[in-house]
Amino acid sequence: MEKCKVLFDSLEWQDAMPGARFKIFSDGKKQMRLLEFTSEFVEPHWCEKGHIGFVLNGELEIDFDGQIVSYNQGAGIFIPTGALTKHKARSITPSVQLFLVENV
């Protein structure tokens, strides 16, 4: 069933903001996102969205309102939606790539 196959190599990179770009596949309810941050990326606002994913390569830190958690290559990410888990991410290597599955 080819319609169930997503080829990220065929998707265009989209710029989100300086130092951040992504490729996205969405069915309108769920989305898969390949996300890349560079060390140039500075998240301007606290994010309260939920994220489930995996660090493909590189390393990032996520600031949970003053509590810093490091995520190395191979680490899973599970952030529930809401103000209690508001967060900001930053790459601590020259770049980091994440694979995320999210609600739309």
C-alpha atoms as a PDB file:
ATOM      1  CA  MET A   1       0.000   0.000   0.000  1.00  0.00           C
ATOM      2  CA  GLU A   2       2.118   2.832  -1.329  1.00  0.00           C
ATOM      3  CA  LYS A   3      -0.326   5.460  -0.032  1.00  0.00           C
ATOM      4  CA  CYS A   4       0.781   4.471   3.482  1.00  0.00           C
ATOM      5  CA  LYS A   5       4.423   5.280   2.736  1.00  0.00           C
ATOM      6  CA  VAL A   6       5.951   8.717   3.386  1.00  0.00           C
ATOM      7  CA  LEU A   7       9.155   9.564   1.514  1.00  0.00           C
ATOM      8  CA  PHE A   8      10.741  12.434   3.421  1.00  0.00           C
ATOM      9  CA  ASP A   9      13.461  12.734   0.756  1.00  0.00           C
ATOM     10  CA  SER A  10      10.771  13.877  -1.696  1.00  0.00           C
ATOM     11  CA  LEU A  11       9.438  16.608   0.639  1.00  0.00           C
ATOM     12  CA  GLU A  12      10.794  20.154   0.522  1.00  0.00           C
ATOM     13  CA  TRP A  13      12.431  21.757   3.552  1.00  0.00           C
ATOM     14  CA  GLN A  14      10.375  24.653   4.919  1.00  0.00           C
ATOM     15  CA  ASP A  15      11.964  27.442   6.929  1.00  0.00           C
ATOM     16  CA  ALA A  16      10.282  28.058  10.275  1.00  0.00           C
ATOM     17  CA  MET A  17      12.571  30.823  11.580  1.00  0.00           C
ATOM     18  CA  PRO A  18      16.318  31.467  11.625  1.00  0.00           C
ATOM     19  CA  GLY A  19      18.068  28.220  12.529  1.00  0.00           C
ATOM     20  CA  ALA A  20      14.964  26.001  12.221  1.00  0.00           C
ATOM     21  CA  ARG A  21      13.500  24.130   9.271  1.00  0.00           C
ATOM     22  CA  PHE A  22      11.172  21.172   8.805  1.00  0.00           C
ATOM     23  CA  LYS A  23       9.585  18.680   6.451  1.00  0.00           C
ATOM     24  CA  ILE A  24       6.022  17.725   7.223  1.00  0.00           C
ATOM     25  CA  PHE A  25       3.450  15.120   6.231  1.00  0.00           C
ATOM     26  CA  SER A  26      -0.100  15.592   7.521  1.00  0.00           C
ATOM     27  CA  ASP A  27      -3.448  13.893   7.054  1.00  0.00           C
ATOM     28  CA  GLY A  28      -5.284  16.764   8.778  1.00  0.00           C
ATOM     29  CA  LYS A  29      -5.455  15.003  12.160  1.00  0.00           C
ATOM     30  CA  LYS A  30      -1.904  13.786  12.794  1.00  0.00           C
ATOM     31  CA  GLN A  31       1.383  14.884  11.352  1.00  0.00           C
ATOM     32  CA  MET A  32       4.893  13.547  11.038  1.00  0.00           C
ATOM     33  CA  ARG A  33       7.556  16.205  11.126  1.00  0.00           C
ATOM     34  CA  LEU A  34      11.280  16.016  10.465  1.00  0.00           C
ATOM     35  CA  LEU A  35      12.669  19.024  12.316  1.00  0.00           C
ATOM     36  CA  GLU A  36      16.173  20.458  12.261  1.00  0.00           C
ATOM     37  CA  PHE A  37      17.533  23.113  14.627  1.00  0.00           C
ATOM     38  CA  THR A  38      20.957  24.692  14.390  1.00  0.00           C
ATOM     39  CA  SER A  39      22.759  26.421  17.227  1.00  0.00           C
ATOM     40  CA  GLU A  40      21.503  29.691  15.678  1.00  0.00           C
ATOM     41  CA  PHE A  41      17.900  28.824  16.637  1.00  0.00           C
ATOM     42  CA  VAL A  42      16.375  30.774  19.540  1.00  0.00           C
ATOM     43  CA  GLU A  43      12.815  29.919  20.460  1.00  0.00           C
ATOM     44  CA  PRO A  44      11.020  33.258  20.992  1.00  0.00           C
ATOM     45  CA  HIS A  45       8.037  31.988  23.026  1.00  0.00           C
ATOM     46  CA  TRP A  46       7.202  29.191  25.444  1.00  0.00           C
ATOM     47  CA  CYS A  47       5.634  26.250  23.614  1.00  0.00           C
ATOM     48  CA  GLU A  48       2.681  24.496  25.265  1.00  0.00           C
ATOM     49  CA  LYS A  49       2.061  22.007  22.454  1.00  0.00           C
ATOM     50  CA  GLY A  50       2.572  18.311  23.032  1.00  0.00           C
ATOM     51  CA  HIS A  51       5.347  16.465  21.206  1.00  0.00           C
ATOM     52  CA  ILE A  52       6.190  12.788  20.826  1.00  0.00           C
ATOM     53  CA  GLY A  53       9.363  11.951  19.000  1.00  0.00           C
ATOM     54  CA  PHE A  54      12.924  10.833  18.729  1.00  0.00           C
ATOM     55  CA  VAL A  55      16.329  12.545  18.419  1.00  0.00           C
ATOM     56  CA  LEU A  56      17.789  11.258  15.150  1.00  0.00           C
ATOM     57  CA  ASN A  57      21.145  12.978  15.525  1.00  0.00           C
ATOM     58  CA  GLY A  58      22.780  15.747  17.500  1.00  0.00           C
ATOM     59  CA  GLU A  59      21.892  16.881  20.992  1.00  0.00           C
ATOM     60  CA  LEU A  60      19.428  19.392  22.359  1.00  0.00           C
ATOM     61  CA  GLU A  61      18.366  20.851  25.658  1.00  0.00           C
ATOM     62  CA  ILE A  62      14.787  21.580  26.558  1.00  0.00           C
ATOM     63  CA  ASP A  63      14.088  24.217  29.197  1.00  0.00           C
ATOM     64  CA  PHE A  64      10.933  23.331  31.125  1.00  0.00           C
ATOM     65  CA  ASP A  65      10.488  26.712  32.838  1.00  0.00           C
ATOM     66  CA  GLY A  66      13.885  26.591  34.523  1.00  0.00           C
ATOM     67  CA  GLN A  67      14.458  22.839  34.602  1.00  0.00           C
ATOM     68  CA  ILE A  68      16.884  21.878  31.809  1.00  0.00           C
ATOM     69  CA  VAL A  69      16.717  18.361  30.353  1.00  0.00           C
ATOM     70  CA  SER A  70      19.292  17.112  27.812  1.00  0.00           C
ATOM     71  CA  TYR A  71      18.338  14.797  24.947  1.00  0.00           C
ATOM     72  CA  ASN A  72      21.106  12.905  23.119  1.00  0.00           C
ATOM     73  CA  GLN A  73      20.930  11.045  19.837  1.00  0.00           C
ATOM     74  CA  GLY A  74      18.580   8.093  20.292  1.00  0.00           C
ATOM     75  CA  ALA A  75      16.562   9.668  23.121  1.00  0.00           C
ATOM     76  CA  GLY A  76      12.790   9.678  23.005  1.00  0.00           C
ATOM     77  CA  ILE A  77      10.784  12.831  23.662  1.00  0.00           C
ATOM     78  CA  PHE A  78       7.354  12.738  25.271  1.00  0.00           C
ATOM     79  CA  ILE A  79       5.984  16.167  26.224  1.00  0.00           C
ATOM     80  CA  PRO A  80       2.298  16.369  27.188  1.00  0.00           C
ATOM     81  CA  THR A  81       0.251  19.365  26.032  1.00  0.00           C
ATOM     82  CA  GLY A  82      -0.265  22.182  28.527  1.00  0.00           C
ATOM     83  CA  ALA A  83       1.114  25.033  30.570  1.00  0.00           C
ATOM     84  CA  LEU A  84       2.661  22.684  33.146  1.00  0.00           C
ATOM     85  CA  THR A  85       5.064  21.385  30.503  1.00  0.00           C
ATOM     86  CA  LYS A  86       5.752  24.660  28.679  1.00  0.00           C
ATOM     87  CA  HIS A  87       9.150  24.476  27.086  1.00  0.00           C
ATOM     88  CA  LYS A  88      11.830  25.988  24.870  1.00  0.00           C
ATOM     89  CA  ALA A  89      14.334  23.900  22.924  1.00  0.00           C
ATOM     90  CA  ARG A  90      17.858  24.681  21.774  1.00  0.00           C
ATOM     91  CA  SER A  91      20.532  22.750  19.942  1.00  0.00           C
ATOM     92  CA  ILE A  92      23.746  22.268  21.902  1.00  0.00           C
ATOM     93  CA  THR A  93      25.489  20.700  18.918  1.00  0.00           C
ATOM     94  CA  PRO A  94      25.901  22.538  15.596  1.00  0.00           C
ATOM     95  CA  SER A  95      22.602  20.939  14.522  1.00  0.00           C
ATOM     96  CA  VAL A  96      20.042  18.463  15.807  1.00  0.00           C
ATOM     97  CA  GLN A  97      17.402  16.512  13.893  1.00  0.00           C
ATOM     98  CA  LEU A  98      14.181  15.294  15.462  1.00  0.00           C
ATOM     99  CA  PHE A  99      11.376  13.089  14.206  1.00  0.00           C
ATOM    100  CA  LEU A 100       8.053  14.111  15.766  1.00  0.00           C
ATOM    101  CA  VAL A 101       4.491  12.753  15.611  1.00  0.00           C
ATOM    102  CA  GLU A 102       1.961  15.406  16.606  1.00  0.00           C
ATOM    103  CA  ASN A 103      -1.720  16.229  16.624  1.00  0.00           C
ATOM    104  CA  VAL A 104      -2.705  18.873  14.080  1.00  0.00           C
END
